[in-house]
Amino acid sequence: MWKKILHIIDSMWLGWAQTVVKWIFEWQKENNNIFLYALRKRNINIEINHKNIFYNDSKNKFSFPILKLKKFIEKNNIDVLHCHLAKSQIMGYMLKKLFFPNIKLILHEHWEIFQNWKVYPFLMNLFRKKVNLYLAVSKATKNKILEKTNFEENKIQVLYNFVDLDKLKKIENFDRKKEREKYLLKENDFIIWFASRLYEWKWWKEFIYSAKELLEEGYDLKFIIWWDWEDKEKIEKFIKENNLEENIKLIGYIDDMLNFYNMIDLFVFPSHMESMWLTHLEAQVCSIPIIVSNIKWLNETINNNKDCLLFEAKNYKTLKEKILKIYDDKNFRKRLIKWWLENIKKFSLDKYLVSLNKIYE
């Protein structure tokens, strides 16, 4: 008999944890035993095609509807709480401690353990005796949990993120020229893309500095930075001061990612601190070669010079060299793509859900 699972998350704003949750539900549209409860609404919310999606009617970031959730759990006979991100983990702990001592509690660690937040490890240690399982999205994440908390190793299980192989396929008869015109790009431009929230620790500076040098050396390249965050103004200022507006474009949220993937030539991810990301997996499913920094987690799932290129983190000179290697060698690009299309199958969504449902059972 299926257990009844309640996923709790702070909001369904634009983020990778939210994307994971969306695909878990949309891949199981007929499963009536899974529920999602978001603790608040945001100005932008990811839509999910499943009937058991519920939102607390509040936009307050301090919203903590514990009594509403208590009633929801009782009404729907929930067996397992699956909590994503810090605020929801606090909620899950309080619900179990105050009202449901026998409910199973899973905390899903997506990335927050990597932040220098002193209170977060303290809370994790406080929750430890009530938590049945801690899910880590990578071995690096598991090791960071063990480093910062008193969790026993046997209570932490690695569950890598996934990609939807059915949705992320090359589009037949794709109009590359028309799609590029939306961004004032030409059909024959070689487009290099970086996507992330624009924190400095995402190391967007490496991307910008390597782009600047390549353009100054006369290479005909276009660089796109996608997303928006606190360092957006710094990037815009740098681009303007160096007269790079023609070749480096900063764009906002993209709704139709499949079309976007199919119009780019190379994906770069220069972060120097990650748990497990999704975009580089998605790019490779769409036959886009990738370059990523050689850091823990990222180097767990890829093979240098076989299905990707790794470069020395925080060193934009080595990033520049890797970009030129892929730009100059079309055959090498094809080999990277061929190898990765074989490797990506182990990150499929259906395998992920088989593993997740075994955990629940």
Protein backbone atom coordinates (compact mmCIF):
# COMPACT_ATOMS: atom_id res chain seq x y z
CA MET A 1 0.00 0.00 0.00
CA TRP A 2 1.29 3.46 -0.90
CA LYS A 3 2.31 5.72 1.91
CA LYS A 4 0.93 9.26 1.84
CA ILE A 5 3.72 11.77 1.36
CA LEU A 6 3.55 15.50 2.05
CA HIS A 7 6.27 17.65 0.48
CA ILE A 8 6.70 20.98 2.27
CA ILE A 9 8.60 23.90 0.76
CA ASP A 10 8.83 27.60 1.58
CA SER A 11 7.60 28.73 -1.84
CA MET A 12 7.50 27.63 -5.47
CA TRP A 13 9.65 30.53 -6.59
CA LEU A 14 12.29 30.11 -9.33
CA GLY A 15 14.92 27.78 -7.94
CA TRP A 16 16.47 24.35 -8.42
CA ALA A 17 14.85 22.79 -5.35
CA GLN A 18 11.50 23.98 -6.70
CA THR A 19 12.29 22.53 -10.13
CA VAL A 20 13.04 19.15 -8.55
CA VAL A 21 9.71 19.25 -6.72
CA LYS A 22 7.84 20.24 -9.89
CA TRP A 23 9.17 17.29 -11.85
CA ILE A 24 8.54 14.83 -9.01
CA PHE A 25 4.86 15.77 -9.13
CA GLU A 26 4.37 16.18 -12.87
CA TRP A 27 5.96 12.79 -13.56
CA GLN A 28 3.40 11.24 -11.19
CA LYS A 29 0.22 13.01 -12.24
CA GLU A 30 -1.96 10.01 -11.36
CA ASN A 31 -0.45 9.47 -7.94
CA ASN A 32 -3.05 10.67 -5.44
CA ASN A 33 -0.86 9.86 -2.45
CA ILE A 34 1.61 12.70 -2.88
CA PHE A 35 0.85 16.26 -1.78
CA LEU A 36 2.70 19.57 -1.93
CA TYR A 37 2.20 22.44 0.50
CA ALA A 38 4.01 25.76 -0.07
CA LEU A 39 4.23 27.95 3.02
CA ARG A 40 3.72 31.16 1.03
CA LYS A 41 3.18 32.58 -2.44
CA ARG A 42 5.64 34.71 -4.38
CA ASN A 43 5.15 37.20 -7.22
CA ILE A 44 6.32 34.45 -9.57
CA ASN A 45 5.40 30.83 -8.81
CA ILE A 46 6.38 27.76 -10.82
CA GLU A 47 3.20 26.11 -12.09
CA ILE A 48 2.78 22.37 -11.41
CA ASN A 49 0.39 20.13 -13.31
CA HIS A 50 -0.90 17.99 -10.43
CA LYS A 51 -4.14 18.21 -8.47
CA ASN A 52 -2.59 17.94 -4.99
CA ILE A 53 -0.79 21.29 -4.95
CA PHE A 54 -1.65 23.65 -2.09
CA TYR A 55 -0.46 27.13 -1.12
CA ASN A 56 -0.79 28.99 2.13
CA ASP A 57 -2.55 32.24 1.25
CA SER A 58 0.23 34.58 2.35
CA LYS A 59 3.17 36.38 0.73
CA ASN A 60 4.90 37.07 4.04
CA LYS A 61 8.37 35.47 4.15
CA PHE A 62 7.84 34.85 7.87
CA SER A 63 4.64 32.91 7.23
CA PHE A 64 4.57 29.84 9.49
CA PRO A 65 1.14 28.17 9.16
CA ILE A 66 1.75 25.31 11.55
CA LEU A 67 -1.87 24.88 12.65
CA LYS A 68 -3.09 24.85 9.04
CA LEU A 69 -0.56 22.14 8.27
CA LYS A 70 -1.60 20.16 11.34
CA LYS A 71 -5.17 20.06 10.05
CA PHE A 72 -3.97 19.23 6.54
CA ILE A 73 -1.93 16.27 7.80
CA GLU A 74 -4.82 14.97 9.89
CA LYS A 75 -7.32 15.35 7.05
CA ASN A 76 -5.15 13.55 4.51
CA ASN A 77 -3.66 10.90 6.82
CA ILE A 78 -0.09 11.81 5.95
CA ASP A 79 2.61 9.22 6.77
CA VAL A 80 5.78 11.01 5.66
CA LEU A 81 6.90 14.65 5.73
CA HIS A 82 9.45 15.43 3.02
CA CYS A 83 10.85 18.90 3.75
CA HIS A 84 12.82 20.99 1.25
CA LEU A 85 15.00 23.97 2.34
CA ALA A 86 15.55 25.44 5.79
CA LYS A 87 12.22 27.01 6.67
CA SER A 88 10.31 23.88 5.71
CA GLN A 89 12.72 21.75 7.71
CA ILE A 90 11.95 23.84 10.80
CA MET A 91 8.25 23.34 10.08
CA GLY A 92 8.65 19.57 9.73
CA TYR A 93 10.55 19.32 13.00
CA MET A 94 7.95 21.36 14.89
CA LEU A 95 5.06 19.32 13.46
CA LYS A 96 6.67 16.06 14.54
CA LYS A 97 7.75 17.33 17.96
CA LEU A 98 4.43 18.95 18.89
CA PHE A 99 1.75 16.88 17.16
CA PHE A 100 2.88 13.78 15.23
CA PRO A 101 5.59 11.83 17.08
CA ASN A 102 5.17 8.77 14.83
CA ILE A 103 5.27 10.52 11.47
CA LYS A 104 8.37 9.92 9.34
CA LEU A 105 10.49 13.03 8.76
CA ILE A 106 12.82 13.43 5.77
CA LEU A 107 14.98 16.53 5.38
CA HIS A 108 16.17 17.11 1.81
CA GLU A 109 19.44 19.05 1.67
CA HIS A 110 19.71 20.91 -1.64
CA TRP A 111 22.44 23.50 -0.95
CA GLU A 112 22.04 25.47 2.29
CA ILE A 113 24.57 23.42 4.28
CA PHE A 114 27.29 25.01 2.10
CA GLN A 115 26.49 28.51 3.32
CA ASN A 116 28.42 30.06 6.19
CA TRP A 117 25.34 30.23 8.38
CA LYS A 118 26.21 29.38 11.98
CA VAL A 119 22.57 28.91 12.96
CA TYR A 120 21.86 26.28 10.26
CA PRO A 121 24.16 23.51 11.60
CA PHE A 122 22.87 24.34 15.09
CA LEU A 123 19.30 23.74 13.93
CA MET A 124 20.24 20.53 12.15
CA ASN A 125 21.77 19.19 15.36
CA LEU A 126 18.67 20.26 17.27
CA PHE A 127 16.46 18.34 14.80
CA ARG A 128 18.68 15.26 14.68
CA LYS A 129 16.77 12.96 17.03
CA LYS A 130 13.47 13.63 15.26
CA VAL A 131 14.78 13.14 11.72
CA ASN A 132 14.40 9.68 10.15
CA LEU A 133 16.49 10.40 7.08
CA TYR A 134 18.60 13.19 5.64
CA LEU A 135 18.68 13.21 1.83
CA ALA A 136 21.81 14.73 0.27
CA VAL A 137 21.93 15.66 -3.42
CA SER A 138 25.59 14.61 -3.77
CA LYS A 139 28.48 12.95 -1.92
CA ALA A 140 29.98 16.40 -1.39
CA THR A 141 26.73 17.46 0.28
CA LYS A 142 26.73 14.39 2.50
CA ASN A 143 30.33 15.06 3.53
CA LYS A 144 29.49 18.68 4.32
CA ILE A 145 26.58 17.54 6.53
CA LEU A 146 28.92 15.17 8.39
CA GLU A 147 31.49 17.94 8.74
CA LYS A 148 29.07 20.54 10.12
CA THR A 149 26.60 18.43 12.15
CA ASN A 150 26.44 15.43 14.46
CA PHE A 151 24.29 13.35 12.12
CA GLU A 152 25.19 9.66 11.94
CA GLU A 153 26.42 8.62 8.50
CA ASN A 154 23.81 5.86 8.20
CA LYS A 155 21.02 8.47 8.47
CA ILE A 156 22.26 10.35 5.40
CA GLN A 157 21.53 8.98 1.93
CA VAL A 158 22.79 10.41 -1.37
CA LEU A 159 20.12 10.93 -4.03
CA TYR A 160 21.47 12.75 -7.07
CA ASN A 161 19.23 15.17 -8.91
CA PHE A 162 17.84 14.22 -12.31
CA VAL A 163 16.86 15.41 -15.74
CA ASP A 164 13.70 14.66 -17.70
CA LEU A 165 15.17 12.90 -20.73
CA ASP A 166 11.82 12.89 -22.54
CA LYS A 167 11.31 16.65 -22.38
CA LEU A 168 14.89 17.73 -23.04
CA LYS A 169 15.44 16.48 -26.57
CA LYS A 170 16.69 18.13 -29.69
CA ILE A 171 13.77 19.84 -31.42
CA GLU A 172 13.12 18.56 -34.91
CA ASN A 173 13.13 21.29 -37.60
CA PHE A 174 14.21 23.85 -35.00
CA ASP A 175 14.34 27.39 -36.40
CA ARG A 176 17.67 28.45 -34.90
CA LYS A 177 17.75 31.75 -36.78
CA LYS A 178 14.28 32.81 -35.59
CA GLU A 179 14.99 31.90 -31.97
CA ARG A 180 18.25 33.83 -31.96
CA GLU A 181 16.62 36.92 -33.41
CA LYS A 182 14.64 37.24 -30.16
CA TYR A 183 17.93 38.10 -28.45
CA LEU A 184 19.37 40.16 -31.33
CA LEU A 185 21.76 37.35 -32.21
CA LYS A 186 22.76 36.07 -35.65
CA GLU A 187 22.34 32.55 -36.99
CA ASN A 188 26.11 31.96 -37.25
CA ASP A 189 27.12 33.47 -33.88
CA PHE A 190 28.99 31.16 -31.52
CA ILE A 191 27.05 31.60 -28.27
CA ILE A 192 28.51 30.87 -24.84
CA TRP A 193 26.05 30.79 -21.95
CA PHE A 194 26.35 31.13 -18.18
CA ALA A 195 23.26 30.67 -16.01
CA SER A 196 23.05 31.22 -12.28
CA ARG A 197 21.91 33.52 -9.53
CA LEU A 198 24.39 36.33 -9.67
CA TYR A 199 26.14 35.97 -6.35
CA GLU A 200 29.88 36.62 -6.33
CA TRP A 201 30.54 33.09 -5.03
CA LYS A 202 28.99 31.78 -8.23
CA TRP A 203 32.13 33.33 -9.71
CA TRP A 204 30.54 35.19 -12.57
CA LYS A 205 33.74 37.28 -12.58
CA GLU A 206 35.66 34.42 -14.18
CA PHE A 207 33.12 34.28 -16.98
CA ILE A 208 33.17 38.04 -17.52
CA TYR A 209 36.99 38.38 -17.40
CA SER A 210 37.59 35.45 -19.77
CA ALA A 211 34.97 36.90 -22.14
CA LYS A 212 36.64 40.32 -22.04
CA GLU A 213 40.07 38.91 -22.92
CA LEU A 214 38.73 36.73 -25.73
CA LEU A 215 36.89 39.67 -27.27
CA GLU A 216 39.93 41.94 -26.95
CA GLU A 217 41.96 39.29 -28.79
CA GLY A 218 39.53 39.47 -31.69
CA TYR A 219 37.49 36.28 -31.27
CA ASP A 220 33.99 36.58 -32.71
CA LEU A 221 32.00 35.25 -29.77
CA LYS A 222 28.74 36.11 -28.01
CA PHE A 223 28.28 35.67 -24.27
CA ILE A 224 24.93 35.40 -22.52
CA ILE A 225 24.40 35.65 -18.78
CA TRP A 226 21.04 34.43 -17.60
CA TRP A 227 19.29 35.16 -14.31
CA ASP A 228 19.08 38.04 -11.92
CA TRP A 229 20.33 38.60 -8.40
CA GLU A 230 22.22 40.96 -6.14
CA ASP A 231 25.30 41.40 -8.37
CA LYS A 232 23.36 42.29 -11.51
CA GLU A 233 24.26 45.99 -11.27
CA LYS A 234 27.97 45.20 -10.86
CA ILE A 235 27.92 43.13 -14.05
CA GLU A 236 26.01 45.75 -16.00
CA LYS A 237 28.51 48.40 -14.87
CA PHE A 238 31.48 46.25 -15.92
CA ILE A 239 29.97 45.56 -19.35
CA LYS A 240 29.25 49.25 -19.94
CA GLU A 241 32.65 50.51 -18.73
CA ASN A 242 34.44 48.08 -21.07
CA ASN A 243 32.16 48.72 -24.09
CA LEU A 244 31.10 45.07 -24.23
CA GLU A 245 27.34 45.57 -24.71
CA GLU A 246 27.46 44.20 -28.25
CA ASN A 247 28.98 40.86 -27.24
CA ILE A 248 27.91 40.24 -23.63
CA LYS A 249 24.18 40.19 -22.97
CA LEU A 250 22.51 39.95 -19.57
CA ILE A 251 19.00 38.54 -19.88
CA GLY A 252 16.30 37.74 -17.34
CA TYR A 253 14.16 34.71 -16.65
CA ILE A 254 13.44 32.46 -19.64
CA ASP A 255 10.19 30.54 -19.68
CA ASP A 256 10.87 28.32 -22.71
CA MET A 257 14.16 26.72 -21.76
CA LEU A 258 14.05 23.97 -24.39
CA ASN A 259 14.14 26.46 -27.26
CA PHE A 260 16.90 28.38 -25.51
CA TYR A 261 19.07 25.29 -25.02
CA ASN A 262 18.71 24.46 -28.68
CA MET A 263 20.07 27.82 -29.83
CA ILE A 264 23.32 27.96 -27.80
CA ASP A 265 26.73 26.40 -28.56
CA LEU A 266 28.52 26.11 -25.22
CA PHE A 267 27.56 26.16 -21.54
CA VAL A 268 29.98 27.41 -18.84
CA PHE A 269 29.51 26.99 -15.10
CA PRO A 270 32.37 28.61 -13.10
CA SER A 271 31.01 28.32 -9.55
CA HIS A 272 33.43 27.44 -6.75
CA MET A 273 30.84 26.12 -4.27
CA GLU A 274 27.91 23.85 -5.15
CA SER A 275 25.81 20.97 -3.86
CA MET A 276 24.26 19.66 -7.07
CA TRP A 277 23.05 21.72 -9.97
CA LEU A 278 20.62 20.84 -12.76
CA THR A 279 21.32 23.17 -15.66
CA HIS A 280 24.57 21.57 -16.79
CA LEU A 281 22.80 18.20 -16.94
CA GLU A 282 19.97 19.71 -18.95
CA ALA A 283 22.37 21.39 -21.35
CA GLN A 284 24.13 18.13 -22.08
CA VAL A 285 20.88 16.28 -22.74
CA CYS A 286 20.28 18.94 -25.41
CA SER A 287 23.71 18.13 -26.92
CA ILE A 288 25.42 21.28 -25.60
CA PRO A 289 29.10 20.82 -24.63
CA ILE A 290 29.93 22.10 -21.14
CA ILE A 291 32.85 23.56 -19.20
CA VAL A 292 32.64 23.54 -15.39
CA SER A 293 34.96 24.38 -12.51
CA ASN A 294 36.80 21.46 -10.95
CA ILE A 295 35.11 21.44 -7.55
CA LYS A 296 33.50 18.82 -5.36
CA TRP A 297 30.14 17.77 -6.47
CA LEU A 298 30.55 18.98 -10.05
CA ASN A 299 33.40 16.53 -10.62
CA GLU A 300 31.40 13.65 -9.11
CA THR A 301 29.16 13.24 -12.10
CA ILE A 302 31.35 14.10 -15.10
CA ASN A 303 34.62 12.99 -16.67
CA ASN A 304 37.21 15.52 -17.78
CA ASN A 305 38.12 15.41 -21.48
CA LYS A 306 35.57 12.65 -21.99
CA ASP A 307 32.14 14.21 -21.60
CA CYS A 308 33.09 17.72 -20.45
CA LEU A 309 36.02 20.03 -19.74
CA LEU A 310 37.03 20.95 -16.19
CA PHE A 311 39.02 24.08 -15.39
CA GLU A 312 40.80 25.29 -12.28
CA ALA A 313 38.26 27.05 -10.09
CA LYS A 314 38.82 30.82 -9.61
CA ASN A 315 41.24 30.92 -12.54
CA TYR A 316 39.71 32.72 -15.51
CA LYS A 317 42.84 32.17 -17.61
CA THR A 318 42.29 28.41 -17.58
CA LEU A 319 38.59 28.95 -18.35
CA LYS A 320 39.60 31.02 -21.36
CA GLU A 321 41.84 28.17 -22.59
CA LYS A 322 39.03 25.63 -22.31
CA ILE A 323 36.60 27.89 -24.18
CA LEU A 324 39.08 28.20 -27.04
CA LYS A 325 39.64 24.44 -27.14
CA ILE A 326 35.93 23.81 -27.72
CA TYR A 327 35.50 26.79 -30.03
CA ASP A 328 38.43 25.78 -32.26
CA ASP A 329 37.80 22.02 -32.45
CA LYS A 330 34.42 21.03 -33.87
CA ASN A 331 35.25 17.31 -33.78
CA PHE A 332 36.17 17.52 -30.10
CA ARG A 333 32.79 19.14 -29.41
CA LYS A 334 31.06 16.23 -31.10
CA ARG A 335 33.02 13.68 -29.03
CA LEU A 336 32.07 15.40 -25.77
CA ILE A 337 28.40 15.26 -26.71
CA LYS A 338 28.56 11.61 -27.80
CA TRP A 339 30.13 10.45 -24.53
CA TRP A 340 27.73 12.44 -22.38
CA LEU A 341 24.60 11.15 -24.09
CA GLU A 342 25.65 7.70 -22.90
CA ASN A 343 26.40 8.85 -19.35
CA ILE A 344 23.25 10.93 -18.81
CA LYS A 345 20.94 7.91 -18.66
CA LYS A 346 21.85 7.24 -15.04
CA PHE A 347 20.40 10.67 -14.13
CA SER A 348 16.97 9.98 -15.61
CA LEU A 349 13.84 11.08 -13.78
CA ASP A 350 12.26 7.61 -13.84
CA LYS A 351 15.31 6.09 -12.07
CA TYR A 352 15.21 8.91 -9.53
CA LEU A 353 11.56 8.22 -8.70
CA VAL A 354 12.17 4.49 -8.33
CA SER A 355 14.88 5.29 -5.77
CA LEU A 356 12.76 7.88 -4.00
CA ASN A 357 9.75 5.59 -3.68
CA LYS A 358 11.97 2.81 -2.30
CA ILE A 359 13.06 5.27 0.37
CA TYR A 360 9.44 5.99 1.26
CA GLU A 361 8.55 2.32 1.48
